[in-house]
Structures are given as C-alpha cells and as structure tokens.
Protein backbone atom coordinates (compact mmCIF):
# COMPACT_ATOMS: atom_id res chain seq x y z
CA MET A 1 195.50 -53.67 124.80
CA ASN A 2 193.74 -52.24 121.52
CA ARG A 3 195.16 -55.37 119.99
CA PHE A 4 193.46 -57.64 122.21
CA ILE A 5 190.19 -55.91 121.77
CA ALA A 6 190.76 -55.78 118.44
CA ILE A 7 191.04 -59.55 118.47
CA ILE A 8 188.01 -59.72 120.86
CA SER A 9 185.97 -57.84 118.44
CA ILE A 10 186.43 -59.72 115.24
CA PHE A 11 186.24 -62.53 116.91
CA PHE A 12 182.73 -61.56 118.10
CA LEU A 13 181.59 -59.88 115.52
CA PHE A 14 182.47 -63.49 113.61
CA ILE A 15 180.36 -65.31 116.37
CA ALA A 16 177.22 -63.03 115.73
CA THR A 17 177.29 -63.02 112.52
CA SER A 18 178.13 -67.14 111.85
CA CYS A 19 174.41 -67.94 112.79
CA ILE A 20 173.22 -66.00 109.99
CA THR A 21 172.65 -67.64 106.23
CA GLU A 22 170.56 -66.58 103.31
CA ASN A 23 170.16 -69.70 102.57
CA GLU A 24 168.07 -71.15 105.11
CA PRO A 25 164.40 -71.79 104.70
CA GLU A 26 161.96 -69.45 106.26
CA THR A 27 159.90 -71.11 108.78
CA VAL A 28 156.01 -71.11 107.40
CA SER A 29 153.33 -71.03 109.87
CA LEU A 30 149.84 -70.52 109.08
CA HIS A 31 147.71 -68.64 111.88
CA PRO A 32 144.01 -67.42 111.93
CA GLY A 33 143.49 -64.45 109.90
CA ASP A 34 145.56 -65.82 107.28
CA LYS A 35 144.27 -66.73 104.00
CA CYS A 36 144.10 -70.68 102.85
CA PRO A 37 147.19 -71.30 100.29
CA ASP A 38 145.49 -72.63 96.42
CA PHE A 39 146.70 -76.41 96.70
CA SER A 40 144.46 -79.40 94.71
CA ILE A 41 144.69 -82.81 96.15
CA LYS A 42 143.31 -86.27 94.97
CA MET A 43 141.23 -87.75 97.73
CA ASN A 44 141.65 -91.77 98.62
CA ASP A 45 138.28 -92.26 96.89
CA GLY A 46 139.94 -91.12 93.92
CA SER A 47 137.99 -86.88 93.45
CA ILE A 48 139.88 -84.16 93.41
CA ILE A 49 139.23 -81.16 95.49
CA THR A 50 141.30 -78.26 95.19
CA SER A 51 140.61 -74.98 97.64
CA SER A 52 138.13 -73.03 95.78
CA ASP A 53 136.20 -76.25 96.07
CA LEU A 54 136.29 -75.31 99.90
CA ARG A 55 134.51 -71.79 99.40
CA GLY A 56 131.17 -71.39 100.78
CA LYS A 57 131.16 -74.10 104.16
CA ARG A 58 133.54 -74.49 107.39
CA SER A 59 136.63 -76.62 106.22
CA ILE A 60 138.33 -78.82 108.66
CA ILE A 61 142.06 -79.95 107.05
CA VAL A 62 144.15 -82.04 109.05
CA PHE A 63 148.03 -82.99 108.40
CA PHE A 64 149.07 -86.02 109.51
CA ASN A 65 151.34 -89.11 109.05
CA THR A 66 150.48 -92.16 111.17
CA SER A 67 153.81 -93.08 112.12
CA CYS A 68 153.66 -89.72 114.33
CA ALA A 69 152.92 -90.40 117.76
CA ASP A 70 150.53 -87.68 119.07
CA CYS A 71 149.15 -88.25 115.06
CA ARG A 72 148.24 -91.50 115.90
CA GLU A 73 146.53 -89.88 119.26
CA GLU A 74 144.72 -87.22 117.60
CA LEU A 75 143.61 -89.45 114.65
CA PRO A 76 140.79 -90.81 116.74
CA GLU A 77 139.46 -87.02 117.64
CA ILE A 78 139.10 -86.31 114.10
CA GLN A 79 137.18 -89.44 113.54
CA LYS A 80 134.66 -88.66 116.17
CA VAL A 81 134.23 -85.21 114.47
CA TYR A 82 133.85 -86.42 111.30
CA VAL A 83 131.11 -89.04 112.85
CA GLU A 84 129.07 -85.38 114.39
CA ILE A 85 129.67 -83.96 110.81
CA LEU A 86 127.73 -86.89 109.20
CA THR A 87 124.92 -87.38 111.77
CA LYS A 88 124.19 -84.00 111.66
CA ASP A 89 124.76 -83.44 108.26
CA LEU A 90 126.94 -80.00 108.99
CA PRO A 91 127.61 -77.84 106.07
CA VAL A 92 131.75 -78.78 106.94
CA HIS A 93 134.13 -80.00 104.65
CA LEU A 94 137.13 -82.21 106.13
CA LEU A 95 140.63 -83.41 104.25
CA CYS A 96 143.17 -85.56 106.43
CA ILE A 97 146.45 -84.70 104.36
CA SER A 98 149.25 -87.10 104.76
CA ARG A 99 152.90 -85.40 105.23
CA ALA A 100 154.89 -87.11 102.98
CA GLU A 101 153.25 -90.62 103.60
CA GLY A 102 151.76 -92.99 101.12
CA GLU A 103 148.61 -94.83 100.48
CA ASP A 104 148.79 -98.41 101.56
CA SER A 105 150.27 -97.55 105.02
CA ILE A 106 147.68 -94.68 105.47
CA ALA A 107 145.47 -97.82 104.47
CA THR A 108 146.41 -100.26 106.46
CA PHE A 109 146.34 -97.83 109.75
CA TRP A 110 143.43 -97.02 108.72
CA GLN A 111 141.41 -100.08 108.95
CA GLU A 112 143.37 -100.92 112.19
CA ASN A 113 141.71 -98.32 113.68
CA ASN A 114 138.46 -98.19 112.51
CA LEU A 115 138.74 -95.23 110.78
CA THR A 116 136.42 -93.52 108.17
CA LEU A 117 138.24 -90.13 107.53
CA PRO A 118 138.60 -89.49 103.91
CA TYR A 119 142.26 -88.55 103.45
CA SER A 120 144.62 -87.50 100.44
CA PRO A 121 147.82 -89.85 100.22
CA GLN A 122 150.52 -86.78 99.77
CA GLU A 123 154.38 -88.92 99.27
CA ASP A 124 155.75 -85.62 99.82
CA ARG A 125 155.61 -82.89 101.74
CA SER A 126 154.43 -79.85 98.63
CA VAL A 127 151.12 -79.55 100.05
CA TYR A 128 151.87 -79.69 103.67
CA ASN A 129 154.86 -76.75 102.87
CA LEU A 130 152.28 -74.46 101.96
CA PHE A 131 150.89 -74.30 105.25
CA ALA A 132 153.91 -74.96 107.18
CA SER A 133 157.34 -76.10 107.34
CA SER A 134 157.54 -78.11 110.71
CA VAL A 135 155.26 -80.06 113.13
CA ILE A 136 152.62 -82.62 113.04
CA PRO A 137 149.73 -83.26 113.27
CA ARG A 138 148.13 -79.52 112.20
CA ILE A 139 144.82 -78.92 112.56
CA TYR A 140 142.95 -75.88 110.37
CA LEU A 141 139.80 -74.08 110.64
CA LEU A 142 138.63 -72.36 107.97
CA SER A 143 135.57 -69.77 107.19
CA PRO A 144 133.71 -69.95 103.85
CA ASP A 145 135.69 -67.47 102.69
CA LEU A 146 138.79 -69.68 103.46
CA THR A 147 140.34 -67.37 106.05
CA ILE A 148 142.21 -69.98 108.92
CA THR A 149 139.95 -69.01 111.99
CA HIS A 150 141.22 -71.58 114.32
CA ALA A 151 145.10 -73.49 114.28
CA TRP A 152 146.65 -75.99 116.20
CA SER A 153 149.83 -77.94 116.11
CA ASP A 154 151.65 -80.41 118.26
CA ASN A 155 150.73 -79.65 121.93
CA PRO A 156 148.14 -79.10 123.06
CA MET A 157 145.95 -80.98 120.50
CA PRO A 158 142.14 -80.22 120.98
CA THR A 159 139.61 -82.74 121.35
CA SER A 160 136.66 -83.24 119.42
CA ARG A 161 134.06 -80.78 121.41
CA GLU A 162 136.89 -78.54 121.08
CA ILE A 163 137.09 -78.59 117.33
CA ILE A 164 133.24 -79.11 117.10
CA ASP A 165 132.49 -75.86 119.61
CA CYS A 166 134.57 -73.39 117.01
CA LEU A 167 132.59 -75.02 114.23
C-alpha cells in the first residue's frame, strides 16, 4: 500500500510540475494606469513618430492586421474617429500600427475601403510586443502624460462614439 501511495504521489508531482516551464514567454498586456512604452515608427507618409512625440496631447494607438476579421470590422470605426478628430480639429494623435504586415497589403486594403487613417506598416511584431503578446485588434487611449487611460482588445470592441466619448 505504501508503495502504491508513493507511486501515485510521484505521478501527481510529475503532472503538477509538467506545465511549468521557465522558458515560456510571459503574457504581456498593458492596462489603464500603465505608461506607454518607448517606441519609434515610420508612418506611411514617411514621417518618424516616437512615443515622446505623443506627449502633450491625447493619443489613440490601434494595432491591427488586415487579414484579421475583427480588425477589418473595427478599422471603419477608427476611420470615423479620425474624421471627427480632423473635422473638430481635436488635439489628438491617432496611430494605426500593423502587427506583422507590410506596406503593400495595407495600402491595398486602405484603398479598397476608402480609409485615410495614418498607419505604420511593421513587418514584425516588435512594436506590438511592447504593448501585448496576443490578440488584435487592440486600441489604447493615452493621456497627454502618456498614461494609458483606456484599453480594448478583440471583444467587445468599442464603437467610434465610445472612443470619442473617452477622449
């Protein structure tokens, strides 16, 4: 009986520790109250934007990939926000940053969907990984001191009115 208990104990000890590995990447997801990480991106118009350039104004950062169905659904809502920012001359930065998607496919999608949003094509996930490790679309609203005030990911995504009301 003691041998049986010892074997069962070893089995459960093995099972309990088998899911724990030191090499697993930590899940990252910034939340309201967190500071915006330092980054530098090249926009589709050729300009370079850094996180410090966002200081002093409210900012909206959107992570997307045009092959993502939820992103394709949310980007027109972000376009509405962008039009309101321009129409009302609101002091707000808006940046759409791709997650592992290049210029050609983004430009095609923008043209097919009549989007005029400023975007930064990123071939990799390096900027995205500063904010999160999974799930798109992601939207972050920042205060003028670069503190995240609102964060949305995947479900439910905000409407353009909800985003504007948070500004």
